[in-house]
Amino acid sequence: MTVTEWATTSGINAALGRIGAGDFSGDGRGDVLWRHATRGEVWLWPMNGTTVLSETNVATVDPAYDIVGTGDYNGDGKSDILWRQLTNGRRGD
């Protein structure tokens, strides 16, 4: 089920939340990153202003990891995701 389907059928709820915003596609425009907390699915909405250009499931990550930040950590002009393991605090990016 896509983010749009979740929002249409059940509304944005506690399990599905906007995690971050940034230029994940490198096109100079802000994008929106979503994650389903219990299923671990991560979705990206590349944006053009307030228009969603597409909807892509970019990963499914073990719910034991949490997204703790977004930003261009490696200097390539695209936003990255910083992950942290909830029980031992290890990071992954």
PDB file of N, CA and C in Angstrom:
ATOM      1  N   MET A   1       0.847  -1.170   0.000  1.00  0.00           N
ATOM      2  CA  MET A   1       0.000   0.000   0.000  1.00  0.00           C
ATOM      3  C   MET A   1       0.898   1.241   0.000  1.00  0.00           C
ATOM      4  N   THR A   2       0.576   2.199  -0.823  1.00  0.00           N
ATOM      5  CA  THR A   2       1.371   3.415  -0.943  1.00  0.00           C
ATOM      6  C   THR A   2       0.994   4.430   0.137  1.00  0.00           C
ATOM      7  N   VAL A   3       1.794   5.462   0.270  1.00  0.00           N
ATOM      8  CA  VAL A   3       1.492   6.535   1.214  1.00  0.00           C
ATOM      9  C   VAL A   3       0.150   7.167   0.876  1.00  0.00           C
ATOM     10  N   THR A   4      -0.090   7.410  -0.404  1.00  0.00           N
ATOM     11  CA  THR A   4      -1.355   8.008  -0.824  1.00  0.00           C
ATOM     12  C   THR A   4      -2.519   7.110  -0.439  1.00  0.00           C
ATOM     13  N   GLU A   5      -2.385   5.798  -0.634  1.00  0.00           N
ATOM     14  CA  GLU A   5      -3.453   4.869  -0.245  1.00  0.00           C
ATOM     15  C   GLU A   5      -3.659   4.877   1.269  1.00  0.00           C
ATOM     16  N   TRP A   6      -2.563   4.924   2.063  1.00  0.00           N
ATOM     17  CA  TRP A   6      -2.722   5.003   3.518  1.00  0.00           C
ATOM     18  C   TRP A   6      -3.484   6.260   3.893  1.00  0.00           C
ATOM     19  N   ALA A   7      -3.103   7.381   3.291  1.00  0.00           N
ATOM     20  CA  ALA A   7      -3.742   8.649   3.622  1.00  0.00           C
ATOM     21  C   ALA A   7      -5.199   8.655   3.200  1.00  0.00           C
ATOM     22  N   THR A   8      -5.499   8.047   2.058  1.00  0.00           N
ATOM     23  CA  THR A   8      -6.866   8.032   1.546  1.00  0.00           C
ATOM     24  C   THR A   8      -7.764   7.113   2.361  1.00  0.00           C
ATOM     25  N   THR A   9      -7.250   5.936   2.744  1.00  0.00           N
ATOM     26  CA  THR A   9      -8.092   4.960   3.424  1.00  0.00           C
ATOM     27  C   THR A   9      -8.153   5.147   4.923  1.00  0.00           C
ATOM     28  N   SER A  10      -7.087   5.646   5.541  1.00  0.00           N
ATOM     29  CA  SER A  10      -7.093   5.735   6.994  1.00  0.00           C
ATOM     30  C   SER A  10      -6.608   7.068   7.535  1.00  0.00           C
ATOM     31  N   GLY A  11      -6.223   7.963   6.674  1.00  0.00           N
ATOM     32  CA  GLY A  11      -5.670   9.230   7.132  1.00  0.00           C
ATOM     33  C   GLY A  11      -4.244   9.045   7.630  1.00  0.00           C
ATOM     34  N   ILE A  12      -3.493  10.110   7.670  1.00  0.00           N
ATOM     35  CA  ILE A  12      -2.139  10.046   8.218  1.00  0.00           C
ATOM     36  C   ILE A  12      -2.303   9.852   9.721  1.00  0.00           C
ATOM     37  N   ASN A  13      -1.723   8.775  10.239  1.00  0.00           N
ATOM     38  CA  ASN A  13      -1.881   8.474  11.658  1.00  0.00           C
ATOM     39  C   ASN A  13      -0.517   8.314  12.315  1.00  0.00           C
ATOM     40  N   ALA A  14      -0.511   7.836  13.554  1.00  0.00           N
ATOM     41  CA  ALA A  14       0.741   7.722  14.312  1.00  0.00           C
ATOM     42  C   ALA A  14       1.727   6.765  13.662  1.00  0.00           C
ATOM     43  N   ALA A  15       1.244   5.747  12.942  1.00  0.00           N
ATOM     44  CA  ALA A  15       2.144   4.777  12.314  1.00  0.00           C
ATOM     45  C   ALA A  15       2.833   5.346  11.085  1.00  0.00           C
ATOM     46  N   LEU A  16       2.247   6.345  10.483  1.00  0.00           N
ATOM     47  CA  LEU A  16       2.805   6.921   9.260  1.00  0.00           C
ATOM     48  C   LEU A  16       3.039   8.395   9.500  1.00  0.00           C
ATOM     49  N   GLY A  17       4.272   8.795   9.460  1.00  0.00           N
ATOM     50  CA  GLY A  17       4.559  10.197   9.712  1.00  0.00           C
ATOM     51  C   GLY A  17       5.612  10.730   8.780  1.00  0.00           C
ATOM     52  N   ARG A  18       5.523  12.013   8.491  1.00  0.00           N
ATOM     53  CA  ARG A  18       6.548  12.665   7.689  1.00  0.00           C
ATOM     54  C   ARG A  18       7.804  12.690   8.528  1.00  0.00           C
ATOM     55  N   ILE A  19       8.855  12.129   7.999  1.00  0.00           N
ATOM     56  CA  ILE A  19      10.104  12.022   8.728  1.00  0.00           C
ATOM     57  C   ILE A  19      11.036  13.176   8.405  1.00  0.00           C
ATOM     58  N   GLY A  20      11.080  13.552   7.166  1.00  0.00           N
ATOM     59  CA  GLY A  20      12.024  14.596   6.810  1.00  0.00           C
ATOM     60  C   GLY A  20      11.677  15.258   5.505  1.00  0.00           C
ATOM     61  N   ALA A  21      12.358  16.332   5.283  1.00  0.00           N
ATOM     62  CA  ALA A  21      12.229  17.040   4.024  1.00  0.00           C
ATOM     63  C   ALA A  21      13.634  17.443   3.601  1.00  0.00           C
ATOM     64  N   GLY A  22      13.841  17.498   2.333  1.00  0.00           N
ATOM     65  CA  GLY A  22      15.136  17.875   1.794  1.00  0.00           C
ATOM     66  C   GLY A  22      15.136  17.596   0.312  1.00  0.00           C
ATOM     67  N   ASP A  23      16.213  17.900  -0.325  1.00  0.00           N
ATOM     68  CA  ASP A  23      16.318  17.660  -1.766  1.00  0.00           C
ATOM     69  C   ASP A  23      16.944  16.285  -2.001  1.00  0.00           C
ATOM     70  N   PHE A  24      16.143  15.244  -1.879  1.00  0.00           N
ATOM     71  CA  PHE A  24      16.626  13.871  -2.045  1.00  0.00           C
ATOM     72  C   PHE A  24      16.919  13.526  -3.503  1.00  0.00           C
ATOM     73  N   SER A  25      16.259  14.207  -4.437  1.00  0.00           N
ATOM     74  CA  SER A  25      16.445  13.900  -5.859  1.00  0.00           C
ATOM     75  C   SER A  25      17.544  14.732  -6.517  1.00  0.00           C
ATOM     76  N   GLY A  26      18.020  15.788  -5.850  1.00  0.00           N
ATOM     77  CA  GLY A  26      19.079  16.615  -6.403  1.00  0.00           C
ATOM     78  C   GLY A  26      18.632  17.586  -7.474  1.00  0.00           C
ATOM     79  N   ASP A  27      17.319  17.873  -7.536  1.00  0.00           N
ATOM     80  CA  ASP A  27      16.814  18.772  -8.575  1.00  0.00           C
ATOM     81  C   ASP A  27      16.649  20.207  -8.091  1.00  0.00           C
ATOM     82  N   GLY A  28      17.083  20.485  -6.875  1.00  0.00           N
ATOM     83  CA  GLY A  28      16.980  21.838  -6.335  1.00  0.00           C
ATOM     84  C   GLY A  28      15.649  22.149  -5.678  1.00  0.00           C
ATOM     85  N   ARG A  29      14.743  21.172  -5.623  1.00  0.00           N
ATOM     86  CA  ARG A  29      13.428  21.376  -5.002  1.00  0.00           C
ATOM     87  C   ARG A  29      13.297  20.450  -3.792  1.00  0.00           C
ATOM     88  N   GLY A  30      12.577  20.915  -2.793  1.00  0.00           N
ATOM     89  CA  GLY A  30      12.361  20.122  -1.589  1.00  0.00           C
ATOM     90  C   GLY A  30      11.478  18.916  -1.854  1.00  0.00           C
ATOM     91  N   ASP A  31      11.794  17.793  -1.204  1.00  0.00           N
ATOM     92  CA  ASP A  31      11.036  16.557  -1.304  1.00  0.00           C
ATOM     93  C   ASP A  31      10.598  16.145   0.099  1.00  0.00           C
ATOM     94  N   VAL A  32       9.681  15.192   0.184  1.00  0.00           N
ATOM     95  CA  VAL A  32       9.155  14.743   1.468  1.00  0.00           C
ATOM     96  C   VAL A  32       9.444  13.260   1.632  1.00  0.00           C
ATOM     97  N   LEU A  33       9.910  12.882   2.827  1.00  0.00           N
ATOM     98  CA  LEU A  33      10.219  11.495   3.159  1.00  0.00           C
ATOM     99  C   LEU A  33       9.236  11.018   4.223  1.00  0.00           C
ATOM    100  N   TRP A  34       8.614   9.850   3.976  1.00  0.00           N
ATOM    101  CA  TRP A  34       7.641   9.260   4.894  1.00  0.00           C
ATOM    102  C   TRP A  34       8.157   7.907   5.359  1.00  0.00           C
ATOM    103  N   ARG A  35       7.717   7.471   6.553  1.00  0.00           N
ATOM    104  CA  ARG A  35       8.056   6.133   7.027  1.00  0.00           C
ATOM    105  C   ARG A  35       6.886   5.555   7.795  1.00  0.00           C
ATOM    106  N   HIS A  36       6.596   4.290   7.517  1.00  0.00           N
ATOM    107  CA  HIS A  36       5.589   3.566   8.278  1.00  0.00           C
ATOM    108  C   HIS A  36       6.309   2.924   9.453  1.00  0.00           C
ATOM    109  N   ALA A  37       5.973   3.333  10.671  1.00  0.00           N
ATOM    110  CA  ALA A  37       6.726   2.947  11.869  1.00  0.00           C
ATOM    111  C   ALA A  37       6.723   1.449  12.137  1.00  0.00           C
ATOM    112  N   THR A  38       5.616   0.771  11.916  1.00  0.00           N
ATOM    113  CA  THR A  38       5.568  -0.652  12.255  1.00  0.00           C
ATOM    114  C   THR A  38       6.034  -1.555  11.123  1.00  0.00           C
ATOM    115  N   ARG A  39       5.832  -1.140   9.889  1.00  0.00           N
ATOM    116  CA  ARG A  39       6.258  -1.969   8.752  1.00  0.00           C
ATOM    117  C   ARG A  39       7.650  -1.610   8.247  1.00  0.00           C
ATOM    118  N   GLY A  40       8.154  -0.445   8.619  1.00  0.00           N
ATOM    119  CA  GLY A  40       9.493  -0.038   8.224  1.00  0.00           C
ATOM    120  C   GLY A  40       9.618   0.475   6.803  1.00  0.00           C
ATOM    121  N   GLU A  41       8.518   0.600   6.074  1.00  0.00           N
ATOM    122  CA  GLU A  41       8.572   1.084   4.696  1.00  0.00           C
ATOM    123  C   GLU A  41       8.903   2.573   4.665  1.00  0.00           C
ATOM    124  N   VAL A  42       9.820   2.947   3.778  1.00  0.00           N
ATOM    125  CA  VAL A  42      10.227   4.347   3.607  1.00  0.00           C
ATOM    126  C   VAL A  42       9.804   4.776   2.210  1.00  0.00           C
ATOM    127  N   TRP A  43       9.093   5.887   2.132  1.00  0.00           N
ATOM    128  CA  TRP A  43       8.560   6.399   0.865  1.00  0.00           C
ATOM    129  C   TRP A  43       9.095   7.788   0.609  1.00  0.00           C
ATOM    130  N   LEU A  44       9.354   8.094  -0.640  1.00  0.00           N
ATOM    131  CA  LEU A  44       9.819   9.414  -1.054  1.00  0.00           C
ATOM    132  C   LEU A  44       8.822  10.036  -2.007  1.00  0.00           C
ATOM    133  N   TRP A  45       8.489  11.284  -1.738  1.00  0.00           N
ATOM    134  CA  TRP A  45       7.673  12.089  -2.637  1.00  0.00           C
ATOM    135  C   TRP A  45       8.556  13.193  -3.208  1.00  0.00           C
ATOM    136  N   PRO A  46       9.087  13.056  -4.413  1.00  0.00           N
ATOM    137  CA  PRO A  46       9.728  14.208  -5.062  1.00  0.00           C
ATOM    138  C   PRO A  46       8.645  15.258  -5.340  1.00  0.00           C
ATOM    139  N   MET A  47       8.942  16.497  -5.035  1.00  0.00           N
ATOM    140  CA  MET A  47       7.932  17.549  -5.114  1.00  0.00           C
ATOM    141  C   MET A  47       8.303  18.620  -6.124  1.00  0.00           C
ATOM    142  N   ASN A  48       7.273  19.309  -6.608  1.00  0.00           N
ATOM    143  CA  ASN A  48       7.408  20.542  -7.371  1.00  0.00           C
ATOM    144  C   ASN A  48       6.470  21.526  -6.698  1.00  0.00           C
ATOM    145  N   GLY A  49       6.991  22.280  -5.753  1.00  0.00           N
ATOM    146  CA  GLY A  49       6.128  23.129  -4.934  1.00  0.00           C
ATOM    147  C   GLY A  49       5.276  22.247  -4.045  1.00  0.00           C
ATOM    148  N   THR A  50       3.949  22.354  -4.181  1.00  0.00           N
ATOM    149  CA  THR A  50       3.039  21.519  -3.396  1.00  0.00           C
ATOM    150  C   THR A  50       2.537  20.311  -4.190  1.00  0.00           C
ATOM    151  N   THR A  51       3.065  20.097  -5.383  1.00  0.00           N
ATOM    152  CA  THR A  51       2.641  18.984  -6.231  1.00  0.00           C
ATOM    153  C   THR A  51       3.577  17.793  -6.063  1.00  0.00           C
ATOM    154  N   VAL A  52       2.995  16.633  -5.744  1.00  0.00           N
ATOM    155  CA  VAL A  52       3.764  15.396  -5.654  1.00  0.00           C
ATOM    156  C   VAL A  52       4.023  14.908  -7.072  1.00  0.00           C
ATOM    157  N   LEU A  53       5.301  14.762  -7.453  1.00  0.00           N
ATOM    158  CA  LEU A  53       5.644  14.331  -8.808  1.00  0.00           C
ATOM    159  C   LEU A  53       5.559  12.826  -8.974  1.00  0.00           C
ATOM    160  N   SER A  54       5.882  12.085  -7.927  1.00  0.00           N
ATOM    161  CA  SER A  54       5.809  10.631  -7.958  1.00  0.00           C
ATOM    162  C   SER A  54       5.828  10.133  -6.527  1.00  0.00           C
ATOM    163  N   GLU A  55       5.711   8.841  -6.376  1.00  0.00           N
ATOM    164  CA  GLU A  55       5.726   8.219  -5.054  1.00  0.00           C
ATOM    165  C   GLU A  55       6.536   6.940  -5.177  1.00  0.00           C
ATOM    166  N   THR A  56       7.646   6.859  -4.441  1.00  0.00           N
ATOM    167  CA  THR A  56       8.547   5.731  -4.592  1.00  0.00           C
ATOM    168  C   THR A  56       8.845   5.106  -3.241  1.00  0.00           C
ATOM    169  N   ASN A  57       8.680   3.780  -3.156  1.00  0.00           N
ATOM    170  CA  ASN A  57       9.114   3.056  -1.964  1.00  0.00           C
ATOM    171  C   ASN A  57      10.609   2.863  -2.118  1.00  0.00           C
ATOM    172  N   VAL A  58      11.399   3.589  -1.320  1.00  0.00           N
ATOM    173  CA  VAL A  58      12.849   3.571  -1.485  1.00  0.00           C
ATOM    174  C   VAL A  58      13.525   2.495  -0.652  1.00  0.00           C
ATOM    175  N   ALA A  59      12.840   1.998   0.379  1.00  0.00           N
ATOM    176  CA  ALA A  59      13.448   0.969   1.229  1.00  0.00           C
ATOM    177  C   ALA A  59      12.428   0.454   2.223  1.00  0.00           C
ATOM    178  N   THR A  60      12.733  -0.693   2.763  1.00  0.00           N
ATOM    179  CA  THR A  60      12.052  -1.181   3.950  1.00  0.00           C
ATOM    180  C   THR A  60      13.155  -1.496   4.949  1.00  0.00           C
ATOM    181  N   VAL A  61      13.119  -0.797   6.077  1.00  0.00           N
ATOM    182  CA  VAL A  61      14.178  -0.884   7.073  1.00  0.00           C
ATOM    183  C   VAL A  61      13.582  -1.406   8.377  1.00  0.00           C
ATOM    184  N   ASP A  62      14.284  -2.324   9.006  1.00  0.00           N
ATOM    185  CA  ASP A  62      13.868  -2.898  10.281  1.00  0.00           C
ATOM    186  C   ASP A  62      13.376  -1.787  11.212  1.00  0.00           C
ATOM    187  N   PRO A  63      12.172  -1.927  11.786  1.00  0.00           N
ATOM    188  CA  PRO A  63      11.659  -0.900  12.701  1.00  0.00           C
ATOM    189  C   PRO A  63      12.540  -0.672  13.930  1.00  0.00           C
ATOM    190  N   ALA A  64      13.533  -1.525  14.160  1.00  0.00           N
ATOM    191  CA  ALA A  64      14.480  -1.296  15.255  1.00  0.00           C
ATOM    192  C   ALA A  64      15.400  -0.116  14.960  1.00  0.00           C
ATOM    193  N   TYR A  65      15.378   0.394  13.729  1.00  0.00           N
ATOM    194  CA  TYR A  65      16.146   1.571  13.348  1.00  0.00           C
ATOM    195  C   TYR A  65      15.197   2.750  13.203  1.00  0.00           C
ATOM    196  N   ASP A  66      15.656   3.908  13.639  1.00  0.00           N
ATOM    197  CA  ASP A  66      14.861   5.118  13.567  1.00  0.00           C
ATOM    198  C   ASP A  66      15.621   6.148  12.729  1.00  0.00           C
ATOM    199  N   ILE A  67      14.881   6.954  11.985  1.00  0.00           N
ATOM    200  CA  ILE A  67      15.501   8.050  11.244  1.00  0.00           C
ATOM    201  C   ILE A  67      15.682   9.202  12.227  1.00  0.00           C
ATOM    202  N   VAL A  68      16.930   9.622  12.407  1.00  0.00           N
ATOM    203  CA  VAL A  68      17.205  10.692  13.362  1.00  0.00           C
ATOM    204  C   VAL A  68      17.597  12.001  12.685  1.00  0.00           C
ATOM    205  N   GLY A  69      17.766  11.972  11.375  1.00  0.00           N
ATOM    206  CA  GLY A  69      18.088  13.206  10.684  1.00  0.00           C
ATOM    207  C   GLY A  69      18.156  13.030   9.187  1.00  0.00           C
ATOM    208  N   THR A  70      18.025  14.134   8.486  1.00  0.00           N
ATOM    209  CA  THR A  70      18.212  14.173   7.039  1.00  0.00           C
ATOM    210  C   THR A  70      19.063  15.392   6.717  1.00  0.00           C
ATOM    211  N   GLY A  71      19.858  15.271   5.692  1.00  0.00           N
ATOM    212  CA  GLY A  71      20.714  16.368   5.268  1.00  0.00           C
ATOM    213  C   GLY A  71      21.729  15.840   4.264  1.00  0.00           C
ATOM    214  N   ASP A  72      22.473  16.710   3.663  1.00  0.00           N
ATOM    215  CA  ASP A  72      23.481  16.302   2.684  1.00  0.00           C
ATOM    216  C   ASP A  72      24.783  15.990   3.418  1.00  0.00           C
ATOM    217  N   TYR A  73      24.861  14.803   3.992  1.00  0.00           N
ATOM    218  CA  TYR A  73      26.005  14.426   4.825  1.00  0.00           C
ATOM    219  C   TYR A  73      27.269  14.123   4.023  1.00  0.00           C
ATOM    220  N   ASN A  74      27.126  13.709   2.761  1.00  0.00           N
ATOM    221  CA  ASN A  74      28.321  13.355   1.983  1.00  0.00           C
ATOM    222  C   ASN A  74      28.687  14.399   0.919  1.00  0.00           C
ATOM    223  N   GLY A  75      27.965  15.521   0.868  1.00  0.00           N
ATOM    224  CA  GLY A  75      28.322  16.621  -0.011  1.00  0.00           C
ATOM    225  C   GLY A  75      28.048  16.409  -1.488  1.00  0.00           C
ATOM    226  N   ASP A  76      27.112  15.495  -1.831  1.00  0.00           N
ATOM    227  CA  ASP A  76      26.829  15.242  -3.246  1.00  0.00           C
ATOM    228  C   ASP A  76      25.668  16.061  -3.791  1.00  0.00           C
ATOM    229  N   GLY A  77      25.117  16.977  -2.986  1.00  0.00           N
ATOM    230  CA  GLY A  77      24.009  17.814  -3.446  1.00  0.00           C
ATOM    231  C   GLY A  77      22.643  17.185  -3.265  1.00  0.00           C
ATOM    232  N   LYS A  78      22.571  16.013  -2.639  1.00  0.00           N
ATOM    233  CA  LYS A  78      21.294  15.336  -2.375  1.00  0.00           C
ATOM    234  C   LYS A  78      21.195  15.045  -0.889  1.00  0.00           C
ATOM    235  N   SER A  79      19.980  15.144  -0.355  1.00  0.00           N
ATOM    236  CA  SER A  79      19.772  14.834   1.058  1.00  0.00           C
ATOM    237  C   SER A  79      19.962  13.345   1.309  1.00  0.00           C
ATOM    238  N   ASP A  80      20.508  13.026   2.462  1.00  0.00           N
ATOM    239  CA  ASP A  80      20.747  11.655   2.901  1.00  0.00           C
ATOM    240  C   ASP A  80      19.930  11.398   4.163  1.00  0.00           C
ATOM    241  N   ILE A  81      19.859  10.140   4.576  1.00  0.00           N
ATOM    242  CA  ILE A  81      19.120   9.746   5.770  1.00  0.00           C
ATOM    243  C   ILE A  81      20.113   9.229   6.797  1.00  0.00           C
ATOM    244  N   LEU A  82      20.003   9.705   8.034  1.00  0.00           N
ATOM    245  CA  LEU A  82      20.820   9.210   9.133  1.00  0.00           C
ATOM    246  C   LEU A  82      19.941   8.328  10.012  1.00  0.00           C
ATOM    247  N   TRP A  83      20.366   7.072  10.192  1.00  0.00           N
ATOM    248  CA  TRP A  83      19.611   6.071  10.953  1.00  0.00           C
ATOM    249  C   TRP A  83      20.292   5.818  12.291  1.00  0.00           C
ATOM    250  N   ARG A  84      19.512   5.403  13.298  1.00  0.00           N
ATOM    251  CA  ARG A  84      20.059   4.993  14.585  1.00  0.00           C
ATOM    252  C   ARG A  84      19.333   3.742  15.056  1.00  0.00           C
ATOM    253  N   GLN A  85      20.094   2.764  15.501  1.00  0.00           N
ATOM    254  CA  GLN A  85      19.519   1.532  16.044  1.00  0.00           C
ATOM    255  C   GLN A  85      19.001   1.860  17.441  1.00  0.00           C
ATOM    256  N   LEU A  86      17.725   1.561  17.704  1.00  0.00           N
ATOM    257  CA  LEU A  86      17.083   2.020  18.929  1.00  0.00           C
ATOM    258  C   LEU A  86      17.586   1.343  20.198  1.00  0.00           C
ATOM    259  N   THR A  87      17.996   0.074  20.127  1.00  0.00           N
ATOM    260  CA  THR A  87      18.397  -0.603  21.358  1.00  0.00           C
ATOM    261  C   THR A  87      19.857  -0.403  21.718  1.00  0.00           C
ATOM    262  N   ASN A  88      20.745  -0.302  20.721  1.00  0.00           N
ATOM    263  CA  ASN A  88      22.161  -0.160  21.061  1.00  0.00           C
ATOM    264  C   ASN A  88      22.740   1.194  20.656  1.00  0.00           C
ATOM    265  N   GLY A  89      21.948   2.036  19.995  1.00  0.00           N
ATOM    266  CA  GLY A  89      22.380   3.386  19.648  1.00  0.00           C
ATOM    267  C   GLY A  89      23.315   3.490  18.450  1.00  0.00           C
ATOM    268  N   ARG A  90      23.668   2.350  17.832  1.00  0.00           N
ATOM    269  CA  ARG A  90      24.557   2.422  16.669  1.00  0.00           C
ATOM    270  C   ARG A  90      23.886   3.190  15.558  1.00  0.00           C
ATOM    271  N   ARG A  91      24.690   3.878  14.771  1.00  0.00           N
ATOM    272  CA  ARG A  91      24.128   4.638  13.664  1.00  0.00           C
ATOM    273  C   ARG A  91      24.420   3.919  12.357  1.00  0.00           C
ATOM    274  N   GLY A  92      23.625   4.225  11.369  1.00  0.00           N
ATOM    275  CA  GLY A  92      23.838   3.733  10.021  1.00  0.00           C
ATOM    276  C   GLY A  92      23.418   4.808   9.047  1.00  0.00           C
ATOM    277  N   ASP A  93      24.164   5.035   7.985  1.00  0.00           N
ATOM    278  CA  ASP A  93      23.771   6.075   7.030  1.00  0.00           C
ATOM    279  C   ASP A  93      24.132   5.636   5.631  1.00  0.00           C
TER     280      ASP A  93
END
